Amino acid sequence: MKTEKILHTFYSAFSEGNASAMISCYHEDIIFEDPAFGKLKSEKAYAMWKMLLSKKEESELNITFNVINDKQVEWVANYKYGPKKRPVLNKVRASFEFLDGKIIRHTDSFSLWKWSQQALGMSGLLLGWSNFMKSKVQATTNKLLEKYIAKQ
């Protein structure tokens, strides 16, 4: 399968809430990285998508995307975050590497400061730019991921 087709398949599945179809686009040795989770490998990357999409309906997640070329996608997530259901519009630039017809490396880039302002309110506005906040967000998201994995 051509790489652009793989990216269309991946993001179409994402917008439909189909984690299994997304994961089928990944190489078994996938390395995923983004500002919220940090670096996740193989099973943890799979579990992250399953966890995020398991909350799709309650978060009112809406995904739109544009495949720029065979290595880059711009996508937007529009959803409600946390107990206060704060609206978040997160603009992401994703880059990819492929091996054996599958995604081997997936890196999402976005402004953690902009995200934290929307998702966390005043604390995100005041501290979202800092390494402290980045570490706190990653610790929290990874703790949630570990809890999710333990339940599976």
Protein backbone atom coordinates (compact mmCIF):
# COMPACT_ATOMS: atom_id res chain seq x y z
CA MET A 1 0.00 0.00 0.00
CA LYS A 2 1.31 3.46 -0.86
CA THR A 3 2.22 5.64 2.09
CA GLU A 4 -0.36 8.36 1.32
CA LYS A 5 -3.08 5.70 1.21
CA ILE A 6 -1.91 4.38 4.59
CA LEU A 7 -2.19 7.91 6.01
CA HIS A 8 -5.71 8.32 4.59
CA THR A 9 -6.68 4.95 6.06
CA PHE A 10 -5.19 5.87 9.45
CA TYR A 11 -6.92 9.25 9.74
CA SER A 12 -10.23 8.05 8.28
CA ALA A 13 -10.23 5.35 10.95
CA PHE A 14 -9.34 7.99 13.57
CA SER A 15 -12.25 10.22 12.54
CA GLU A 16 -14.57 7.16 12.66
CA GLY A 17 -13.31 6.13 16.11
CA ASN A 18 -11.84 2.83 14.85
CA ALA A 19 -8.68 2.20 16.90
CA SER A 20 -8.18 -1.30 15.45
CA ALA A 21 -8.03 0.05 11.89
CA MET A 22 -5.59 2.76 13.01
CA ILE A 23 -3.35 0.24 14.73
CA SER A 24 -3.34 -1.98 11.63
CA CYS A 25 -1.46 0.84 9.85
CA TYR A 26 1.34 0.71 12.44
CA HIS A 27 4.46 -1.43 12.27
CA GLU A 28 4.85 -3.74 15.28
CA ASP A 29 7.86 -1.64 16.37
CA ILE A 30 6.03 1.70 16.12
CA ILE A 31 7.40 4.70 17.99
CA PHE A 32 4.81 7.39 18.64
CA GLU A 33 5.67 10.75 20.16
CA ASP A 34 3.76 13.89 21.06
CA PRO A 35 3.90 16.68 23.68
CA ALA A 36 1.12 15.18 25.83
CA PHE A 37 2.32 11.56 26.12
CA GLY A 38 6.00 11.83 25.27
CA LYS A 39 7.45 8.75 23.57
CA LEU A 40 5.40 5.54 23.41
CA LYS A 41 6.49 2.28 21.80
CA SER A 42 4.48 -0.59 20.32
CA GLU A 43 1.83 -1.82 22.78
CA LYS A 44 1.69 1.49 24.67
CA ALA A 45 1.08 3.38 21.43
CA TYR A 46 -1.70 0.94 20.52
CA ALA A 47 -3.23 1.28 23.98
CA MET A 48 -3.11 5.08 23.80
CA TRP A 49 -5.32 5.14 20.68
CA LYS A 50 -7.70 2.58 22.19
CA MET A 51 -7.94 4.64 25.39
CA LEU A 52 -8.48 7.96 23.60
CA LEU A 53 -11.11 6.55 21.28
CA SER A 54 -12.88 4.71 24.10
CA LYS A 55 -13.90 8.19 25.31
CA LYS A 56 -14.86 9.50 21.85
CA GLU A 57 -18.58 9.89 22.51
CA GLU A 58 -18.30 11.55 25.93
CA SER A 59 -15.62 13.95 24.68
CA GLU A 60 -17.57 14.71 21.50
CA LEU A 61 -14.37 14.15 19.51
CA ASN A 62 -14.35 15.40 15.93
CA ILE A 63 -11.28 14.84 13.72
CA THR A 64 -10.54 16.51 10.40
CA PHE A 65 -7.34 15.99 8.42
CA ASN A 66 -5.39 16.89 5.32
CA VAL A 67 -2.70 14.59 3.95
CA ILE A 68 -0.03 17.03 2.74
CA ASN A 69 2.31 14.43 1.24
CA ASP A 70 3.52 10.90 1.90
CA LYS A 71 5.20 11.95 5.17
CA GLN A 72 3.09 14.76 6.61
CA VAL A 73 -0.48 15.30 7.74
CA GLU A 74 -2.16 18.29 9.30
CA TRP A 75 -5.08 17.36 11.49
CA VAL A 76 -7.42 19.07 13.91
CA ALA A 77 -9.08 17.59 16.97
CA ASN A 78 -12.15 19.36 18.33
CA TYR A 79 -13.39 17.94 21.64
CA LYS A 80 -14.41 18.52 25.25
CA TYR A 81 -11.71 17.92 27.87
CA GLY A 82 -11.89 16.83 31.47
CA PRO A 83 -14.58 17.02 34.12
CA LYS A 84 -15.35 20.64 33.23
CA LYS A 85 -15.83 19.68 29.55
CA ARG A 86 -13.67 22.55 28.37
CA PRO A 87 -13.73 22.97 24.58
CA VAL A 88 -10.40 22.23 22.89
CA LEU A 89 -9.42 22.87 19.28
CA ASN A 90 -5.99 21.30 18.82
CA LYS A 91 -4.13 21.85 15.53
CA VAL A 92 -1.54 19.15 14.96
CA ARG A 93 1.21 18.59 12.42
CA ALA A 94 2.14 14.92 12.11
CA SER A 95 5.22 13.45 10.48
CA PHE A 96 5.78 9.82 9.55
CA GLU A 97 8.41 7.29 8.63
CA PHE A 98 7.57 3.93 7.06
CA LEU A 99 9.05 0.45 7.09
CA ASP A 100 7.72 -2.65 5.33
CA GLY A 101 4.60 -0.80 4.18
CA LYS A 102 3.62 0.31 7.69
CA ILE A 103 4.12 3.39 9.89
CA ILE A 104 7.26 2.85 11.99
CA ARG A 105 7.53 6.37 13.46
CA HIS A 106 4.69 8.83 14.09
CA THR A 107 5.43 12.24 15.62
CA ASP A 108 2.64 14.69 16.42
CA SER A 109 3.64 18.31 17.03
CA PHE A 110 1.42 20.95 18.56
CA SER A 111 1.66 23.84 21.00
CA LEU A 112 1.28 22.40 24.48
CA TRP A 113 0.80 25.95 25.74
CA LYS A 114 -2.19 26.57 23.44
CA TRP A 115 -3.59 23.15 24.29
CA SER A 116 -3.16 23.65 28.05
CA GLN A 117 -4.82 27.08 27.97
CA GLN A 118 -7.92 25.51 26.48
CA ALA A 119 -7.88 22.21 28.40
CA LEU A 120 -6.67 23.40 31.81
CA GLY A 121 -7.82 27.02 31.97
CA MET A 122 -5.88 29.52 34.07
CA SER A 123 -3.11 27.10 35.14
CA GLY A 124 -2.50 26.27 31.48
CA LEU A 125 -2.41 29.96 30.59
CA LEU A 126 0.11 30.74 33.33
CA LEU A 127 2.29 27.60 33.18
CA GLY A 128 1.54 25.90 29.86
CA TRP A 129 4.76 27.14 28.29
CA SER A 130 6.95 25.63 31.03
CA ASN A 131 8.83 22.35 31.27
CA PHE A 132 7.09 21.87 34.61
CA MET A 133 3.68 21.81 32.90
CA LYS A 134 4.95 19.54 30.11
CA SER A 135 6.27 17.08 32.71
CA LYS A 136 3.02 17.27 34.68
CA VAL A 137 0.85 16.69 31.59
CA GLN A 138 2.99 13.73 30.48
CA ALA A 139 2.96 12.21 33.97
CA THR A 140 -0.83 12.54 34.16
CA THR A 141 -1.53 11.15 30.70
CA ASN A 142 0.87 8.25 31.19
CA LYS A 143 -0.69 7.42 34.56
CA LEU A 144 -4.11 7.32 32.87
CA LEU A 145 -2.64 5.10 30.14
CA GLU A 146 -1.15 2.70 32.70
CA LYS A 147 -4.53 2.48 34.46
CA TYR A 148 -6.24 1.79 31.15
CA ILE A 149 -3.73 -0.94 30.24
CA ALA A 150 -4.13 -2.57 33.67
CA LYS A 151 -7.91 -2.82 33.15
CA GLN A 152 -7.56 -4.51 29.76
